[in-house]
Amino acid sequence: MTTTFSYPGSGSRNNNLKARGQDFDKARSLLQEAGAGNLEFTFKVTTNYPWHVDATQIMVEWFRMAGMKVKIAQLNWSDWLAQCWTNRDYDVTMMNFFTLWEPDYLYYSLWHTTGGFNYRNINDPVIDELCERARGTVDLNQRNKIYQNVQKRIFDQAHDVFLWRRLGWVAAQKNVRGLDKIVDPNGNNFHFKHIWLDS
């Protein structure tokens, strides 16, 4: 597992966050303490991303080891969008975010109460205030520190759990030029105005 959505090497990445270890006994104890010892829920996952289905099957086994009963609902992409994204009708789900790498776009859109990609309905006044303050901060080092605090808040509150960070690869014919103009650190976005075919 990774601890933050910021990519490795980013000045805004909080490298002080340490992944939590698995402790199934403690998980069972905390569930009992919360009165949820027989917790049952459905994990909705889209078949659009086969690795999500694989990861969900592994996580369901971990949930079982912690005393929970979990059903997997495999949904096609349009059903997942309708149920999870639009109607917010899910207990647990997972999602890829490939292109949201710039800190303001990433943290404001995903975790600010009014963020356009906040389909999880996260409403955290601390995150809202930090994201708004970062938008008005010109000094890059100060701005990075604010985003590191946003990451710590997300991590401490477990608003989301980051499972992995996918690397992207690009393959092209020898006559394709300009691929050195990739915008996203994981290789997902291109500046197409810089890409051309050499005869």
Protein backbone atom coordinates (compact mmCIF):
# COMPACT_ATOMS: atom_id res chain seq x y z
CA MET A 1 0.00 0.00 0.00
CA THR A 2 1.01 3.57 -0.51
CA THR A 3 0.24 6.37 1.92
CA THR A 4 -0.52 9.25 -0.40
CA PHE A 5 -1.79 9.97 -3.87
CA SER A 6 1.02 12.42 -4.65
CA TYR A 7 3.54 10.83 -6.96
CA PRO A 8 7.05 9.94 -5.78
CA GLY A 9 9.42 12.81 -6.42
CA SER A 10 6.74 15.48 -6.12
CA GLY A 11 7.66 18.36 -3.83
CA SER A 12 4.14 18.21 -2.43
CA ARG A 13 4.39 14.52 -1.42
CA ASN A 14 4.35 13.86 2.32
CA ASN A 15 7.17 11.34 2.71
CA ASN A 16 6.73 11.22 6.50
CA LEU A 17 3.59 9.10 6.32
CA LYS A 18 4.24 5.43 7.06
CA ALA A 19 2.00 2.62 5.87
CA ARG A 20 -0.04 0.92 8.56
CA GLY A 21 0.61 -2.77 9.06
CA GLN A 22 -2.07 -5.43 9.02
CA ASP A 23 -3.38 -6.47 12.43
CA PHE A 24 -6.45 -8.65 12.09
CA ASP A 25 -6.80 -9.19 15.85
CA LYS A 26 -6.81 -5.45 16.47
CA ALA A 27 -9.30 -4.95 13.63
CA ARG A 28 -11.66 -7.53 15.20
CA SER A 29 -11.25 -5.87 18.59
CA LEU A 30 -12.00 -2.40 17.21
CA LEU A 31 -15.07 -3.69 15.38
CA GLN A 32 -16.35 -5.32 18.59
CA GLU A 33 -15.68 -2.12 20.52
CA ALA A 34 -17.66 -0.14 17.93
CA GLY A 35 -20.58 -2.58 18.15
CA ALA A 36 -19.96 -3.83 14.62
CA GLY A 37 -18.62 -7.28 15.40
CA ASN A 38 -20.77 -8.95 12.75
CA LEU A 39 -20.25 -6.33 10.06
CA GLU A 40 -21.58 -7.26 6.62
CA PHE A 41 -21.30 -5.12 3.50
CA THR A 42 -21.07 -5.17 -0.27
CA PHE A 43 -17.94 -4.15 -2.15
CA LYS A 44 -18.93 -2.73 -5.55
CA VAL A 45 -16.20 -2.98 -8.17
CA THR A 46 -16.18 -2.29 -11.89
CA THR A 47 -15.16 -5.00 -14.32
CA ASN A 48 -13.82 -2.20 -16.52
CA TYR A 49 -10.57 -2.55 -14.55
CA PRO A 50 -9.83 -6.29 -14.15
CA TRP A 51 -7.08 -5.57 -11.62
CA HIS A 52 -9.78 -4.01 -9.39
CA VAL A 53 -11.66 -7.30 -9.37
CA ASP A 54 -8.45 -9.17 -8.49
CA ALA A 55 -7.58 -6.70 -5.73
CA THR A 56 -11.12 -6.82 -4.35
CA GLN A 57 -10.96 -10.61 -4.04
CA ILE A 58 -7.76 -10.30 -2.01
CA MET A 59 -9.24 -7.57 0.19
CA VAL A 60 -12.40 -9.58 0.81
CA GLU A 61 -10.21 -12.34 2.23
CA TRP A 62 -8.51 -9.80 4.51
CA PHE A 63 -11.91 -8.49 5.62
CA ARG A 64 -12.94 -12.08 6.40
CA MET A 65 -9.80 -12.55 8.50
CA ALA A 66 -10.84 -9.46 10.47
CA GLY A 67 -14.29 -10.95 11.10
CA MET A 68 -16.32 -9.18 8.40
CA LYS A 69 -18.63 -10.70 5.81
CA VAL A 70 -18.28 -9.09 2.40
CA LYS A 71 -20.10 -9.70 -0.86
CA ILE A 72 -18.57 -8.57 -4.15
CA ALA A 73 -20.82 -6.90 -6.71
CA GLN A 74 -19.07 -6.80 -10.09
CA LEU A 75 -20.57 -4.00 -12.15
CA ASN A 76 -20.01 -2.95 -15.73
CA TRP A 77 -18.67 0.59 -16.16
CA SER A 78 -22.02 2.29 -16.80
CA ASP A 79 -23.68 0.58 -13.82
CA TRP A 80 -20.74 1.47 -11.57
CA LEU A 81 -20.91 5.13 -12.70
CA ALA A 82 -24.67 5.25 -12.12
CA GLN A 83 -24.64 3.54 -8.72
CA CYS A 84 -21.36 4.70 -7.17
CA TRP A 85 -20.47 7.98 -8.88
CA THR A 86 -23.89 9.49 -9.57
CA ASN A 87 -26.15 8.01 -6.88
CA ARG A 88 -23.46 7.42 -4.22
CA ASP A 89 -25.08 4.04 -3.58
CA TYR A 90 -22.31 1.85 -2.19
CA ASP A 91 -20.83 0.53 1.06
CA VAL A 92 -17.27 0.19 -0.25
CA THR A 93 -15.87 0.77 -3.73
CA MET A 94 -12.60 1.56 -5.47
CA MET A 95 -11.58 3.86 -8.28
CA ASN A 96 -8.60 4.81 -10.42
CA PHE A 97 -7.53 8.40 -10.74
CA PHE A 98 -4.97 8.45 -13.53
CA THR A 99 -4.53 12.09 -14.40
CA LEU A 100 -5.05 14.14 -11.26
CA TRP A 101 -1.41 14.77 -10.44
CA GLU A 102 -1.18 18.56 -9.97
CA PRO A 103 -1.67 19.16 -6.21
CA ASP A 104 -4.41 21.78 -6.45
CA TYR A 105 -6.39 19.83 -9.01
CA LEU A 106 -5.80 16.58 -7.15
CA TYR A 107 -6.60 17.54 -3.57
CA TYR A 108 -9.22 20.20 -4.20
CA SER A 109 -11.22 18.19 -6.74
CA LEU A 110 -11.12 14.90 -4.82
CA TRP A 111 -11.32 15.93 -1.15
CA HIS A 112 -12.70 19.47 -0.90
CA THR A 113 -16.40 19.42 0.01
CA THR A 114 -17.27 21.15 -3.28
CA GLY A 115 -14.70 19.27 -5.38
CA GLY A 116 -15.90 18.05 -8.76
CA PHE A 117 -14.55 14.51 -8.23
CA ASN A 118 -15.62 14.19 -4.58
CA TYR A 119 -18.12 11.43 -5.31
CA ARG A 120 -17.40 10.00 -1.85
CA ASN A 121 -19.13 13.06 -0.27
CA ILE A 122 -16.15 13.81 1.94
CA ASN A 123 -16.95 16.84 4.07
CA ASP A 124 -13.91 17.79 6.15
CA PRO A 125 -13.63 21.48 7.13
CA VAL A 126 -9.90 21.02 7.87
CA ILE A 127 -9.22 19.80 4.33
CA ASP A 128 -11.44 22.52 2.89
CA GLU A 129 -9.52 25.22 4.75
CA LEU A 130 -6.12 23.80 3.81
CA CYS A 131 -7.02 23.45 0.11
CA GLU A 132 -8.38 26.99 0.01
CA ARG A 133 -5.29 28.35 1.76
CA ALA A 134 -3.02 26.51 -0.68
CA ARG A 135 -4.81 28.15 -3.61
CA GLY A 136 -3.86 31.56 -2.23
CA THR A 137 -0.26 30.66 -1.38
CA VAL A 138 2.29 31.81 -3.94
CA ASP A 139 5.46 30.48 -2.28
CA LEU A 140 5.93 26.94 -3.65
CA ASN A 141 7.60 25.57 -0.51
CA GLN A 142 4.80 26.86 1.71
CA ARG A 143 2.21 25.55 -0.71
CA ASN A 144 3.85 22.11 -0.71
CA LYS A 145 3.78 22.06 3.11
CA ILE A 146 0.06 22.80 3.05
CA TYR A 147 -0.56 19.90 0.66
CA GLN A 148 1.56 17.65 2.88
CA ASN A 149 -0.80 18.58 5.73
CA VAL A 150 -3.77 17.73 3.51
CA GLN A 151 -2.26 14.28 2.89
CA LYS A 152 -1.68 13.77 6.62
CA ARG A 153 -5.30 14.66 7.33
CA ILE A 154 -6.57 12.24 4.67
CA PHE A 155 -4.27 9.53 6.05
CA ASP A 156 -5.16 10.16 9.72
CA GLN A 157 -8.90 10.25 9.05
CA ALA A 158 -8.70 7.35 6.54
CA HIS A 159 -11.01 9.21 4.16
CA ASP A 160 -9.54 7.03 1.42
CA VAL A 161 -7.07 4.16 1.43
CA PHE A 162 -4.47 4.26 -1.32
CA LEU A 163 -3.68 0.75 -2.49
CA TRP A 164 -1.06 1.34 -5.16
CA ARG A 165 0.37 3.85 -7.57
CA ARG A 166 0.38 2.60 -11.14
CA LEU A 167 3.21 3.45 -13.45
CA GLY A 168 2.42 4.06 -17.09
CA TRP A 169 4.50 3.03 -20.07
CA VAL A 170 4.46 4.37 -23.59
CA ALA A 171 5.42 2.42 -26.71
CA ALA A 172 5.46 3.89 -30.20
CA GLN A 173 6.89 3.38 -33.65
CA LYS A 174 10.33 4.91 -34.30
CA ASN A 175 8.86 7.72 -36.39
CA VAL A 176 6.70 9.10 -33.53
CA ARG A 177 8.40 12.19 -32.11
CA GLY A 178 7.70 14.46 -29.16
CA LEU A 179 6.87 11.81 -26.60
CA ASP A 180 9.29 13.50 -24.22
CA LYS A 181 6.50 16.05 -23.60
CA ILE A 182 4.51 13.80 -21.28
CA VAL A 183 2.66 15.88 -18.69
CA ASP A 184 1.67 13.30 -16.08
CA PRO A 185 4.49 11.63 -14.11
CA ASN A 186 2.88 8.21 -14.57
CA GLY A 187 2.85 8.61 -18.36
CA ASN A 188 -0.86 9.05 -18.94
CA ASN A 189 -1.14 12.55 -20.43
CA PHE A 190 0.51 13.94 -23.53
CA HIS A 191 0.90 17.38 -25.02
CA PHE A 192 -0.37 16.29 -28.42
CA LYS A 193 0.61 19.60 -29.97
CA HIS A 194 4.23 18.47 -29.47
CA ILE A 195 3.78 14.95 -30.88
CA TRP A 196 4.37 14.42 -34.59
CA LEU A 197 5.22 11.76 -37.16
CA ASP A 198 8.60 11.88 -38.86
CA SER A 199 8.63 10.64 -42.42
